Amino acid sequence: MSVLQLGYIAPDFHQHSSQGKLHFHKYIEGHWAVFFSHPADFTPVCTTELGETARLRPEWEKRNVKVIALSVDSEESHAKWIPDINETQNCDVYFPIVADEDKSVSTLYGMFQPQSNDKFTVRSVFIIDPNKKIRAIITYPASTGRNFHEILRVIDSLQLTDGYKVATPVNWKDGDDVVIAPAIQDPEELKTRFPKGFKVIKPYLRMTPQPNK
């Protein structure tokens, strides 16, 4: 199996989930997607992560993002676990959790890393755009809970830079200044694209206010 890379089309699949049979490409059609795996049901870190994901529903919806979780446990296990998540995390898990008992999806997406653990998936995150292309891949060890605000930040950056010829600098967050793409050199184009003006720090380093704010 080839290793998935940025720019690849996210592989399609049909698999059972906590919300019934899931056709992945149909489910995410026309949306951005965050597809992320968990080592197992009824584990403490995963419980906090799924709770945070549910509480962030308004943020996902604002960005046109669908979230989909996965573990290799069964639909029945998911159905028993979700009430625990809702109770302990004060949330409502509204998104599907893929029940990948046969490990076919986990294997397809490289969510098993045998040198780490050959029985459970690591904490993989795939950010997928509306064209179903993989735009970011983040992998955490099982012992480290993800920062979903960082995942939102990456989506903000991708959505911004898709629409404007800019890049986001170190520690950027929504509303901060951004970097003008070095390829833009024509003064008239600069004036047209960046009417708020820009600051030249070096010829290759030019900062401008975030253009969609």
N, C-alpha and C. Protein backbone atom coordinates (compact mmCIF):
# COMPACT_ATOMS: atom_id res chain seq x y z
N MET A 1 0.84 -1.20 0.00
CA MET A 1 0.00 0.00 0.00
C MET A 1 0.88 1.25 0.00
N SER A 2 0.58 2.19 -0.90
CA SER A 2 1.35 3.43 -0.94
C SER A 2 0.96 4.33 0.22
N VAL A 3 1.89 5.15 0.66
CA VAL A 3 1.65 6.07 1.77
C VAL A 3 0.89 7.28 1.24
N LEU A 4 -0.20 7.65 1.92
CA LEU A 4 -0.97 8.83 1.51
C LEU A 4 -0.14 10.09 1.72
N GLN A 5 -0.25 11.01 0.78
CA GLN A 5 0.51 12.25 0.85
C GLN A 5 -0.41 13.43 0.55
N LEU A 6 0.09 14.63 0.84
CA LEU A 6 -0.68 15.83 0.57
C LEU A 6 -0.95 15.94 -0.94
N GLY A 7 -2.18 16.31 -1.27
CA GLY A 7 -2.58 16.43 -2.66
C GLY A 7 -3.23 15.18 -3.22
N TYR A 8 -3.10 14.04 -2.54
CA TYR A 8 -3.77 12.83 -2.97
C TYR A 8 -5.28 12.96 -2.72
N ILE A 9 -6.06 12.29 -3.55
CA ILE A 9 -7.49 12.19 -3.28
C ILE A 9 -7.67 11.25 -2.08
N ALA A 10 -8.45 11.69 -1.10
CA ALA A 10 -8.70 10.85 0.08
C ALA A 10 -9.42 9.59 -0.36
N PRO A 11 -8.92 8.42 -0.04
CA PRO A 11 -9.56 7.19 -0.49
C PRO A 11 -11.01 7.08 -0.02
N ASP A 12 -11.86 6.63 -0.91
CA ASP A 12 -13.26 6.42 -0.57
C ASP A 12 -13.42 5.08 0.14
N PHE A 13 -14.48 4.94 0.90
CA PHE A 13 -14.79 3.66 1.54
C PHE A 13 -16.25 3.61 1.94
N HIS A 14 -16.75 2.38 2.11
CA HIS A 14 -18.04 2.12 2.73
C HIS A 14 -17.75 1.35 4.01
N GLN A 15 -18.28 1.80 5.12
CA GLN A 15 -18.02 1.11 6.39
C GLN A 15 -19.15 1.41 7.36
N HIS A 16 -19.34 0.51 8.31
CA HIS A 16 -20.32 0.73 9.36
C HIS A 16 -19.84 1.85 10.29
N SER A 17 -20.80 2.52 10.92
CA SER A 17 -20.47 3.60 11.84
C SER A 17 -21.54 3.68 12.92
N SER A 18 -21.34 4.60 13.84
CA SER A 18 -22.33 4.82 14.91
C SER A 18 -23.64 5.37 14.36
N GLN A 19 -23.63 5.81 13.10
CA GLN A 19 -24.85 6.32 12.47
C GLN A 19 -25.26 5.48 11.27
N GLY A 20 -24.89 4.20 11.30
CA GLY A 20 -25.24 3.30 10.21
C GLY A 20 -24.14 3.22 9.16
N LYS A 21 -24.47 2.64 8.02
CA LYS A 21 -23.48 2.46 6.95
C LYS A 21 -23.08 3.83 6.41
N LEU A 22 -21.79 4.04 6.29
CA LEU A 22 -21.26 5.33 5.86
C LEU A 22 -20.54 5.18 4.53
N HIS A 23 -20.97 5.97 3.54
CA HIS A 23 -20.24 6.10 2.28
C HIS A 23 -19.44 7.39 2.38
N PHE A 24 -18.15 7.29 2.56
CA PHE A 24 -17.32 8.43 2.95
C PHE A 24 -17.42 9.59 1.96
N HIS A 25 -17.16 9.36 0.69
CA HIS A 25 -17.18 10.45 -0.28
C HIS A 25 -18.55 11.10 -0.38
N LYS A 26 -19.59 10.32 -0.30
CA LYS A 26 -20.94 10.89 -0.35
C LYS A 26 -21.20 11.74 0.89
N TYR A 27 -20.72 11.28 2.04
CA TYR A 27 -20.95 11.99 3.29
C TYR A 27 -20.26 13.36 3.31
N ILE A 28 -19.06 13.45 2.75
CA ILE A 28 -18.31 14.70 2.81
C ILE A 28 -18.53 15.57 1.57
N GLU A 29 -19.35 15.14 0.63
CA GLU A 29 -19.55 15.85 -0.63
C GLU A 29 -19.81 17.35 -0.40
N GLY A 30 -19.01 18.20 -1.07
CA GLY A 30 -19.21 19.64 -1.00
C GLY A 30 -18.72 20.30 0.28
N HIS A 31 -18.04 19.56 1.14
CA HIS A 31 -17.56 20.08 2.42
C HIS A 31 -16.05 19.87 2.57
N TRP A 32 -15.46 20.64 3.46
CA TRP A 32 -14.19 20.25 4.04
C TRP A 32 -14.47 19.12 5.03
N ALA A 33 -13.46 18.34 5.33
CA ALA A 33 -13.65 17.24 6.28
C ALA A 33 -12.42 17.09 7.16
N VAL A 34 -12.67 16.69 8.41
CA VAL A 34 -11.61 16.28 9.33
C VAL A 34 -11.91 14.84 9.71
N PHE A 35 -11.04 13.94 9.29
CA PHE A 35 -11.19 12.50 9.54
C PHE A 35 -10.08 12.09 10.49
N PHE A 36 -10.46 11.58 11.66
CA PHE A 36 -9.43 11.33 12.68
C PHE A 36 -9.70 10.02 13.41
N SER A 37 -8.63 9.36 13.80
CA SER A 37 -8.73 8.03 14.40
C SER A 37 -8.41 8.04 15.89
N HIS A 38 -8.93 7.03 16.58
CA HIS A 38 -8.73 6.85 18.02
C HIS A 38 -8.20 5.45 18.29
N PRO A 39 -7.34 5.30 19.28
CA PRO A 39 -6.81 3.97 19.61
C PRO A 39 -7.90 2.96 19.98
N ALA A 40 -8.91 3.39 20.74
CA ALA A 40 -9.93 2.44 21.18
C ALA A 40 -11.07 3.18 21.87
N ASP A 41 -12.23 2.54 21.94
CA ASP A 41 -13.35 3.07 22.72
C ASP A 41 -13.06 2.96 24.22
N PHE A 42 -13.80 3.75 24.98
CA PHE A 42 -13.71 3.72 26.45
C PHE A 42 -12.28 3.98 26.93
N THR A 43 -11.60 4.88 26.25
CA THR A 43 -10.27 5.30 26.70
C THR A 43 -10.35 6.77 27.10
N PRO A 44 -9.59 7.19 28.11
CA PRO A 44 -9.80 8.51 28.70
C PRO A 44 -9.47 9.68 27.77
N VAL A 45 -8.33 9.61 27.09
CA VAL A 45 -7.95 10.73 26.22
C VAL A 45 -8.94 10.88 25.06
N CYS A 46 -9.32 9.75 24.48
CA CYS A 46 -10.27 9.78 23.37
C CYS A 46 -11.60 10.38 23.80
N THR A 47 -12.02 10.06 25.00
CA THR A 47 -13.28 10.60 25.51
C THR A 47 -13.24 12.12 25.55
N THR A 48 -12.12 12.69 26.01
CA THR A 48 -12.01 14.15 26.07
C THR A 48 -11.93 14.74 24.66
N GLU A 49 -11.28 14.05 23.75
CA GLU A 49 -11.15 14.56 22.39
C GLU A 49 -12.50 14.61 21.67
N LEU A 50 -13.26 13.54 21.79
CA LEU A 50 -14.55 13.50 21.11
C LEU A 50 -15.51 14.52 21.72
N GLY A 51 -15.40 14.73 23.02
CA GLY A 51 -16.20 15.75 23.66
C GLY A 51 -15.87 17.14 23.13
N GLU A 52 -14.59 17.44 23.01
CA GLU A 52 -14.18 18.74 22.49
C GLU A 52 -14.63 18.91 21.04
N THR A 53 -14.51 17.86 20.25
CA THR A 53 -14.95 17.92 18.86
C THR A 53 -16.43 18.26 18.78
N ALA A 54 -17.24 17.63 19.63
CA ALA A 54 -18.68 17.90 19.64
C ALA A 54 -18.98 19.33 20.08
N ARG A 55 -18.28 19.80 21.10
CA ARG A 55 -18.53 21.16 21.59
C ARG A 55 -18.15 22.22 20.55
N LEU A 56 -17.23 21.87 19.68
CA LEU A 56 -16.79 22.82 18.64
C LEU A 56 -17.70 22.82 17.41
N ARG A 57 -18.86 22.20 17.50
CA ARG A 57 -19.75 22.12 16.33
C ARG A 57 -19.97 23.47 15.64
N PRO A 58 -20.24 24.55 16.36
CA PRO A 58 -20.44 25.84 15.65
C PRO A 58 -19.22 26.27 14.85
N GLU A 59 -18.02 25.95 15.36
CA GLU A 59 -16.79 26.32 14.63
C GLU A 59 -16.63 25.49 13.36
N TRP A 60 -16.92 24.21 13.44
CA TRP A 60 -16.85 23.36 12.24
C TRP A 60 -17.86 23.85 11.20
N GLU A 61 -19.08 24.12 11.65
CA GLU A 61 -20.12 24.51 10.71
C GLU A 61 -19.81 25.86 10.07
N LYS A 62 -19.21 26.76 10.82
CA LYS A 62 -18.83 28.07 10.28
C LYS A 62 -17.84 27.92 9.13
N ARG A 63 -17.03 26.87 9.19
CA ARG A 63 -15.99 26.63 8.18
C ARG A 63 -16.41 25.59 7.14
N ASN A 64 -17.68 25.16 7.19
CA ASN A 64 -18.19 24.15 6.25
C ASN A 64 -17.42 22.83 6.37
N VAL A 65 -17.18 22.41 7.60
CA VAL A 65 -16.40 21.20 7.87
C VAL A 65 -17.29 20.11 8.45
N LYS A 66 -17.13 18.90 7.91
CA LYS A 66 -17.73 17.72 8.53
C LYS A 66 -16.63 16.96 9.24
N VAL A 67 -16.92 16.49 10.46
CA VAL A 67 -15.95 15.71 11.23
C VAL A 67 -16.40 14.26 11.29
N ILE A 68 -15.42 13.36 11.17
CA ILE A 68 -15.69 11.92 11.21
C ILE A 68 -14.59 11.26 12.03
N ALA A 69 -14.97 10.52 13.05
CA ALA A 69 -14.00 9.81 13.88
C ALA A 69 -13.95 8.34 13.47
N LEU A 70 -12.96 7.63 13.99
CA LEU A 70 -12.82 6.18 13.71
C LEU A 70 -12.13 5.50 14.86
N SER A 71 -12.60 4.31 15.19
CA SER A 71 -11.80 3.36 15.97
C SER A 71 -12.13 1.97 15.47
N VAL A 72 -11.34 0.99 15.90
CA VAL A 72 -11.51 -0.36 15.38
C VAL A 72 -12.50 -1.17 16.22
N ASP A 73 -13.26 -0.49 17.07
CA ASP A 73 -14.29 -1.18 17.84
C ASP A 73 -15.61 -1.19 17.06
N SER A 74 -16.59 -1.91 17.60
CA SER A 74 -17.83 -2.17 16.88
C SER A 74 -18.85 -1.05 17.02
N GLU A 75 -19.90 -1.12 16.20
CA GLU A 75 -21.02 -0.19 16.33
C GLU A 75 -21.63 -0.27 17.73
N GLU A 76 -21.76 -1.49 18.24
CA GLU A 76 -22.35 -1.69 19.57
C GLU A 76 -21.49 -1.04 20.65
N SER A 77 -20.18 -1.15 20.50
CA SER A 77 -19.28 -0.52 21.46
C SER A 77 -19.41 0.99 21.39
N HIS A 78 -19.44 1.53 20.16
CA HIS A 78 -19.62 2.98 20.00
C HIS A 78 -20.91 3.45 20.67
N ALA A 79 -21.99 2.68 20.46
CA ALA A 79 -23.29 3.07 21.00
C ALA A 79 -23.28 3.11 22.52
N LYS A 80 -22.48 2.28 23.15
CA LYS A 80 -22.37 2.28 24.61
C LYS A 80 -21.45 3.39 25.11
N TRP A 81 -20.46 3.72 24.31
CA TRP A 81 -19.46 4.72 24.71
C TRP A 81 -19.99 6.14 24.59
N ILE A 82 -20.75 6.43 23.54
CA ILE A 82 -21.19 7.80 23.27
C ILE A 82 -21.94 8.42 24.45
N PRO A 83 -22.85 7.70 25.14
CA PRO A 83 -23.49 8.32 26.30
C PRO A 83 -22.50 8.73 27.39
N ASP A 84 -21.43 7.94 27.56
CA ASP A 84 -20.38 8.31 28.52
C ASP A 84 -19.72 9.63 28.11
N ILE A 85 -19.43 9.75 26.81
CA ILE A 85 -18.80 10.98 26.32
C ILE A 85 -19.71 12.17 26.57
N ASN A 86 -20.98 12.01 26.20
CA ASN A 86 -21.94 13.11 26.38
C ASN A 86 -22.07 13.51 27.85
N GLU A 87 -22.08 12.50 28.72
CA GLU A 87 -22.25 12.78 30.15
C GLU A 87 -21.03 13.46 30.75
N THR A 88 -19.87 12.88 30.50
CA THR A 88 -18.66 13.38 31.18
C THR A 88 -18.12 14.67 30.55
N GLN A 89 -18.41 14.89 29.27
CA GLN A 89 -17.85 16.05 28.58
C GLN A 89 -18.89 17.14 28.32
N ASN A 90 -20.10 16.91 28.81
CA ASN A 90 -21.17 17.90 28.66
C ASN A 90 -21.32 18.31 27.20
N CYS A 91 -21.62 17.34 26.35
CA CYS A 91 -21.69 17.58 24.92
C CYS A 91 -22.74 16.67 24.29
N ASP A 92 -22.86 16.77 22.98
CA ASP A 92 -23.73 15.89 22.20
C ASP A 92 -22.95 15.43 20.98
N VAL A 93 -22.48 14.19 21.00
CA VAL A 93 -21.71 13.66 19.88
C VAL A 93 -22.67 13.48 18.70
N TYR A 94 -22.59 14.39 17.75
CA TYR A 94 -23.53 14.43 16.64
C TYR A 94 -22.97 13.83 15.36
N PHE A 95 -21.67 13.54 15.33
CA PHE A 95 -20.98 13.10 14.12
C PHE A 95 -20.76 11.59 14.17
N PRO A 96 -20.54 10.95 13.02
CA PRO A 96 -20.34 9.51 13.02
C PRO A 96 -18.96 9.08 13.51
N ILE A 97 -18.94 7.95 14.16
CA ILE A 97 -17.68 7.28 14.52
C ILE A 97 -17.64 5.98 13.73
N VAL A 98 -16.68 5.89 12.82
CA VAL A 98 -16.56 4.70 11.98
C VAL A 98 -16.22 3.50 12.85
N ALA A 99 -16.91 2.39 12.60
CA ALA A 99 -16.68 1.14 13.34
C ALA A 99 -15.85 0.22 12.45
N ASP A 100 -14.56 0.37 12.53
CA ASP A 100 -13.65 -0.30 11.59
C ASP A 100 -13.14 -1.62 12.15
N GLU A 101 -14.06 -2.50 12.45
CA GLU A 101 -13.68 -3.78 13.09
C GLU A 101 -12.74 -4.61 12.24
N ASP A 102 -12.94 -4.57 10.92
CA ASP A 102 -12.06 -5.37 10.06
C ASP A 102 -10.76 -4.65 9.72
N LYS A 103 -10.62 -3.43 10.24
CA LYS A 103 -9.41 -2.62 10.09
C LYS A 103 -9.09 -2.24 8.64
N SER A 104 -10.09 -2.36 7.77
CA SER A 104 -9.85 -2.06 6.36
C SER A 104 -9.60 -0.58 6.13
N VAL A 105 -10.38 0.28 6.78
CA VAL A 105 -10.20 1.72 6.60
C VAL A 105 -8.91 2.19 7.28
N SER A 106 -8.66 1.68 8.47
CA SER A 106 -7.44 2.03 9.19
C SER A 106 -6.20 1.69 8.37
N THR A 107 -6.25 0.54 7.72
CA THR A 107 -5.13 0.11 6.90
C THR A 107 -5.02 0.97 5.65
N LEU A 108 -6.16 1.27 5.03
CA LEU A 108 -6.19 2.10 3.83
C LEU A 108 -5.57 3.47 4.08
N TYR A 109 -5.80 4.02 5.27
CA TYR A 109 -5.32 5.36 5.61
C TYR A 109 -4.01 5.35 6.40
N GLY A 110 -3.41 4.19 6.58
CA GLY A 110 -2.13 4.14 7.29
C GLY A 110 -2.22 4.54 8.74
N MET A 111 -3.36 4.25 9.37
CA MET A 111 -3.57 4.65 10.77
C MET A 111 -2.91 3.69 11.76
N PHE A 112 -2.41 2.57 11.26
CA PHE A 112 -1.62 1.67 12.10
C PHE A 112 -0.15 1.96 11.86
N GLN A 113 0.60 2.09 12.94
CA GLN A 113 2.04 2.25 12.84
C GLN A 113 2.68 1.21 13.76
N PRO A 114 3.06 0.07 13.18
CA PRO A 114 3.46 -1.09 13.97
C PRO A 114 4.58 -0.83 14.97
N GLN A 115 5.49 0.10 14.65
CA GLN A 115 6.57 0.37 15.59
C GLN A 115 6.06 1.08 16.85
N SER A 116 4.89 1.70 16.72
CA SER A 116 4.27 2.36 17.88
C SER A 116 3.36 1.38 18.60
N ASN A 117 2.43 0.78 17.84
CA ASN A 117 1.50 -0.20 18.41
C ASN A 117 0.83 -0.91 17.24
N ASP A 118 0.92 -2.23 17.20
CA ASP A 118 0.36 -2.96 16.07
C ASP A 118 -1.08 -3.40 16.29
N LYS A 119 -1.69 -3.00 17.43
CA LYS A 119 -3.07 -3.40 17.72
C LYS A 119 -4.04 -2.23 17.63
N PHE A 120 -3.55 -1.02 17.88
CA PHE A 120 -4.43 0.13 17.92
C PHE A 120 -3.96 1.20 16.94
N THR A 121 -4.91 1.98 16.44
CA THR A 121 -4.55 3.10 15.57
C THR A 121 -3.92 4.21 16.38
N VAL A 122 -3.00 4.93 15.75
CA VAL A 122 -2.46 6.14 16.36
C VAL A 122 -3.47 7.27 16.15
N ARG A 123 -3.19 8.46 16.70
CA ARG A 123 -4.12 9.58 16.57
C ARG A 123 -3.84 10.33 15.25
N SER A 124 -4.34 9.77 14.18
CA SER A 124 -4.16 10.38 12.86
C SER A 124 -5.24 11.42 12.61
N VAL A 125 -4.86 12.48 11.89
CA VAL A 125 -5.81 13.51 11.46
C VAL A 125 -5.58 13.78 9.98
N PHE A 126 -6.65 13.71 9.19
CA PHE A 126 -6.60 14.06 7.78
C PHE A 126 -7.55 15.22 7.55
N ILE A 127 -7.02 16.34 7.05
CA ILE A 127 -7.85 17.48 6.67
C ILE A 127 -8.02 17.41 5.16
N ILE A 128 -9.28 17.38 4.72
CA ILE A 128 -9.62 17.10 3.32
C ILE A 128 -10.48 18.24 2.79
N ASP A 129 -10.18 18.71 1.58
CA ASP A 129 -10.91 19.85 1.04
C ASP A 129 -12.14 19.40 0.24
N PRO A 130 -12.96 20.34 -0.24
CA PRO A 130 -14.18 19.94 -0.97
C PRO A 130 -13.92 19.19 -2.27
N ASN A 131 -12.70 19.27 -2.79
CA ASN A 131 -12.33 18.46 -3.96
C ASN A 131 -11.86 17.08 -3.56
N LYS A 132 -11.98 16.77 -2.27
CA LYS A 132 -11.60 15.48 -1.68
C LYS A 132 -10.09 15.25 -1.69
N LYS A 133 -9.33 16.34 -1.81
CA LYS A 133 -7.88 16.22 -1.73
C LYS A 133 -7.42 16.34 -0.28
N ILE A 134 -6.43 15.53 0.10
CA ILE A 134 -5.83 15.62 1.42
C ILE A 134 -4.95 16.86 1.46
N ARG A 135 -5.25 17.78 2.38
CA ARG A 135 -4.52 19.03 2.44
C ARG A 135 -3.56 19.10 3.64
N ALA A 136 -3.81 18.30 4.67
CA ALA A 136 -2.91 18.26 5.82
C ALA A 136 -3.04 16.91 6.49
N ILE A 137 -1.94 16.42 7.02
CA ILE A 137 -1.91 15.18 7.78
C ILE A 137 -1.14 15.45 9.07
N ILE A 138 -1.76 15.14 10.19
CA ILE A 138 -1.11 15.32 11.49
C ILE A 138 -1.22 13.99 12.24
N THR A 139 -0.12 13.55 12.83
CA THR A 139 -0.11 12.29 13.55
C THR A 139 0.43 12.49 14.96
N TYR A 140 -0.37 12.08 15.93
CA TYR A 140 0.01 12.16 17.34
C TYR A 140 0.16 10.74 17.90
N PRO A 141 1.01 10.56 18.91
CA PRO A 141 1.05 9.27 19.60
C PRO A 141 -0.21 9.07 20.42
N ALA A 142 -0.49 7.83 20.75
CA ALA A 142 -1.70 7.50 21.49
C ALA A 142 -1.78 8.21 22.84
N SER A 143 -0.63 8.52 23.43
CA SER A 143 -0.61 9.10 24.77
C SER A 143 -0.86 10.61 24.79
N THR A 144 -0.88 11.24 23.60
CA THR A 144 -0.99 12.70 23.53
C THR A 144 -2.29 13.11 22.88
N GLY A 145 -3.13 13.81 23.62
CA GLY A 145 -4.39 14.30 23.07
C GLY A 145 -4.14 15.42 22.08
N ARG A 146 -4.97 15.45 21.05
CA ARG A 146 -4.84 16.47 20.01
C ARG A 146 -5.31 17.84 20.48
N ASN A 147 -4.78 18.87 19.83
CA ASN A 147 -5.25 20.24 20.06
C ASN A 147 -6.17 20.59 18.89
N PHE A 148 -7.47 20.53 19.10
CA PHE A 148 -8.40 20.77 18.01
C PHE A 148 -8.46 22.24 17.61
N HIS A 149 -8.03 23.13 18.48
CA HIS A 149 -7.93 24.53 18.08
C HIS A 149 -6.81 24.72 17.07
N GLU A 150 -5.77 23.92 17.15
CA GLU A 150 -4.72 23.94 16.13
C GLU A 150 -5.26 23.41 14.81
N ILE A 151 -6.08 22.38 14.86
CA ILE A 151 -6.68 21.85 13.64
C ILE A 151 -7.56 22.91 12.98
N LEU A 152 -8.34 23.64 13.78
CA LEU A 152 -9.14 24.74 13.24
C LEU A 152 -8.25 25.82 12.63
N ARG A 153 -7.13 26.10 13.29
CA ARG A 153 -6.19 27.11 12.78
C ARG A 153 -5.64 26.70 11.41
N VAL A 154 -5.32 25.43 11.25
CA VAL A 154 -4.82 24.94 9.96
C VAL A 154 -5.89 25.09 8.88
N ILE A 155 -7.14 24.77 9.22
CA ILE A 155 -8.23 24.93 8.26
C ILE A 155 -8.40 26.40 7.89
N ASP A 156 -8.33 27.29 8.87
CA ASP A 156 -8.42 28.72 8.59
C ASP A 156 -7.33 29.15 7.61
N SER A 157 -6.12 28.66 7.83
CA SER A 157 -5.01 29.00 6.95
C SER A 157 -5.24 28.47 5.55
N LEU A 158 -5.67 27.23 5.44
CA LEU A 158 -5.91 26.64 4.12
C LEU A 158 -7.01 27.38 3.36
N GLN A 159 -8.09 27.68 4.06
CA GLN A 159 -9.20 28.36 3.39
C GLN A 159 -8.80 29.78 2.98
N LEU A 160 -8.01 30.44 3.80
CA LEU A 160 -7.54 31.78 3.46
C LEU A 160 -6.59 31.75 2.27
N THR A 161 -5.59 30.89 2.33
CA THR A 161 -4.56 30.88 1.29
C THR A 161 -5.07 30.31 -0.03
N ASP A 162 -6.16 29.54 0.00
CA ASP A 162 -6.78 29.10 -1.24
C ASP A 162 -7.40 30.27 -2.00
N GLY A 163 -7.86 31.28 -1.26
CA GLY A 163 -8.57 32.38 -1.88
C GLY A 163 -7.72 33.59 -2.20
N TYR A 164 -6.53 33.68 -1.62
CA TYR A 164 -5.67 34.85 -1.80
C TYR A 164 -4.23 34.38 -1.97
N LYS A 165 -3.41 35.19 -2.63
CA LYS A 165 -2.01 34.82 -2.85
C LYS A 165 -1.17 35.23 -1.65
N VAL A 166 -1.44 34.54 -0.55
CA VAL A 166 -0.73 34.81 0.70
C VAL A 166 -0.37 33.48 1.36
N ALA A 167 0.48 33.59 2.36
CA ALA A 167 0.81 32.45 3.23
C ALA A 167 0.69 32.95 4.67
N THR A 168 0.55 32.01 5.60
CA THR A 168 0.42 32.42 7.00
C THR A 168 1.73 32.15 7.74
N PRO A 169 2.24 33.15 8.46
CA PRO A 169 3.54 33.01 9.12
C PRO A 169 3.46 32.23 10.43
N VAL A 170 4.59 32.13 11.08
CA VAL A 170 4.70 31.40 12.34
C VAL A 170 3.68 31.90 13.36
N ASN A 171 3.03 30.95 14.03
CA ASN A 171 2.08 31.24 15.11
C ASN A 171 0.89 32.08 14.66
N TRP A 172 0.66 32.15 13.35
CA TRP A 172 -0.47 32.93 12.84
C TRP A 172 -1.79 32.40 13.40
N LYS A 173 -2.70 33.32 13.65
CA LYS A 173 -4.07 32.96 13.96
C LYS A 173 -4.99 33.90 13.22
N ASP A 174 -6.24 33.50 13.05
CA ASP A 174 -7.19 34.25 12.25
C ASP A 174 -7.24 35.71 12.70
N GLY A 175 -7.03 36.62 11.77
CA GLY A 175 -7.02 38.06 12.06
C GLY A 175 -5.65 38.67 12.07
N ASP A 176 -4.60 37.86 12.15
CA ASP A 176 -3.23 38.38 12.14
C ASP A 176 -2.79 38.74 10.72
N ASP A 177 -1.70 39.51 10.63
CA ASP A 177 -1.12 39.82 9.32
C ASP A 177 -0.61 38.55 8.65
N VAL A 178 -0.56 38.60 7.32
CA VAL A 178 -0.12 37.45 6.54
C VAL A 178 1.02 37.86 5.61
N VAL A 179 1.63 36.87 4.99
CA VAL A 179 2.78 37.07 4.11
C VAL A 179 2.30 37.09 2.66
N ILE A 180 2.76 38.05 1.88
CA ILE A 180 2.45 38.10 0.45
C ILE A 180 3.33 37.10 -0.28
N ALA A 181 2.73 36.35 -1.20
CA ALA A 181 3.49 35.37 -1.98
C ALA A 181 4.62 36.05 -2.74
N PRO A 182 5.85 35.51 -2.66
CA PRO A 182 7.00 36.14 -3.34
C PRO A 182 6.82 36.29 -4.84
N ALA A 183 5.98 35.44 -5.45
CA ALA A 183 5.80 35.50 -6.91
C ALA A 183 5.15 36.79 -7.37
N ILE A 184 4.44 37.47 -6.49
CA ILE A 184 3.77 38.71 -6.87
C ILE A 184 4.76 39.87 -6.74
N GLN A 185 5.16 40.44 -7.88
CA GLN A 185 6.14 41.52 -7.90
C GLN A 185 5.62 42.77 -8.60
N ASP A 186 4.62 42.62 -9.45
CA ASP A 186 4.11 43.76 -10.20
C ASP A 186 3.45 44.76 -9.26
N PRO A 187 3.89 46.03 -9.27
CA PRO A 187 3.34 47.03 -8.35
C PRO A 187 1.83 47.22 -8.48
N GLU A 188 1.31 47.19 -9.71
CA GLU A 188 -0.13 47.38 -9.89
C GLU A 188 -0.91 46.19 -9.33
N GLU A 189 -0.39 45.00 -9.53
CA GLU A 189 -1.05 43.82 -8.98
C GLU A 189 -1.04 43.86 -7.46
N LEU A 190 0.08 44.28 -6.89
CA LEU A 190 0.17 44.40 -5.43
C LEU A 190 -0.86 45.39 -4.91
N LYS A 191 -0.99 46.51 -5.60
CA LYS A 191 -1.94 47.54 -5.17
C LYS A 191 -3.38 47.03 -5.27
N THR A 192 -3.66 46.28 -6.33
CA THR A 192 -5.02 45.76 -6.55
C THR A 192 -5.36 44.66 -5.55
N ARG A 193 -4.41 43.75 -5.34
CA ARG A 193 -4.68 42.59 -4.47
C ARG A 193 -4.68 42.97 -2.99
N PHE A 194 -3.90 43.96 -2.63
CA PHE A 194 -3.72 44.28 -1.22
C PHE A 194 -3.98 45.77 -0.97
N PRO A 195 -5.25 46.17 -1.11
CA PRO A 195 -5.60 47.59 -0.97
C PRO A 195 -5.36 48.15 0.43
N LYS A 196 -5.21 47.27 1.41
CA LYS A 196 -4.93 47.74 2.78
C LYS A 196 -3.46 48.13 2.95
N GLY A 197 -2.67 47.89 1.90
CA GLY A 197 -1.25 48.20 1.97
C GLY A 197 -0.43 47.04 2.51
N PHE A 198 0.88 47.21 2.51
CA PHE A 198 1.75 46.15 3.01
C PHE A 198 3.07 46.76 3.48
N LYS A 199 3.78 46.00 4.28
CA LYS A 199 5.06 46.44 4.83
C LYS A 199 6.16 45.55 4.27
N VAL A 200 7.19 46.19 3.70
CA VAL A 200 8.33 45.44 3.16
C VAL A 200 9.40 45.35 4.25
N ILE A 201 9.61 44.15 4.75
CA ILE A 201 10.66 43.91 5.75
C ILE A 201 11.95 43.53 5.03
N LYS A 202 11.85 42.65 4.07
CA LYS A 202 12.88 42.30 3.11
C LYS A 202 12.16 42.12 1.77
N PRO A 203 12.88 42.20 0.65
CA PRO A 203 12.19 42.03 -0.64
C PRO A 203 11.35 40.75 -0.71
N TYR A 204 11.80 39.71 -0.01
CA TYR A 204 11.07 38.44 -0.03
C TYR A 204 10.11 38.28 1.15
N LEU A 205 10.08 39.25 2.05
CA LEU A 205 9.25 39.17 3.26
C LEU A 205 8.40 40.43 3.36
N ARG A 206 7.16 40.32 2.91
CA ARG A 206 6.24 41.45 2.90
C ARG A 206 4.98 41.06 3.64
N MET A 207 4.60 41.87 4.60
CA MET A 207 3.44 41.58 5.45
C MET A 207 2.28 42.49 5.08
N THR A 208 1.07 41.91 5.13
CA THR A 208 -0.13 42.68 4.82
C THR A 208 -1.25 42.25 5.76
N PRO A 209 -2.20 43.14 6.09
CA PRO A 209 -3.34 42.72 6.88
C PRO A 209 -4.11 41.59 6.20
N GLN A 210 -4.67 40.72 6.99
CA GLN A 210 -5.43 39.60 6.44
C GLN A 210 -6.49 40.11 5.47
N PRO A 211 -6.43 39.70 4.20
CA PRO A 211 -7.27 40.33 3.17
C PRO A 211 -8.78 40.07 3.28
N ASN A 212 -9.18 39.02 3.97
CA ASN A 212 -10.63 38.73 4.04
C ASN A 212 -11.23 39.24 5.34
N LYS A 213 -10.56 40.14 6.04
CA LYS A 213 -11.08 40.71 7.28
C LYS A 213 -11.44 42.19 7.07
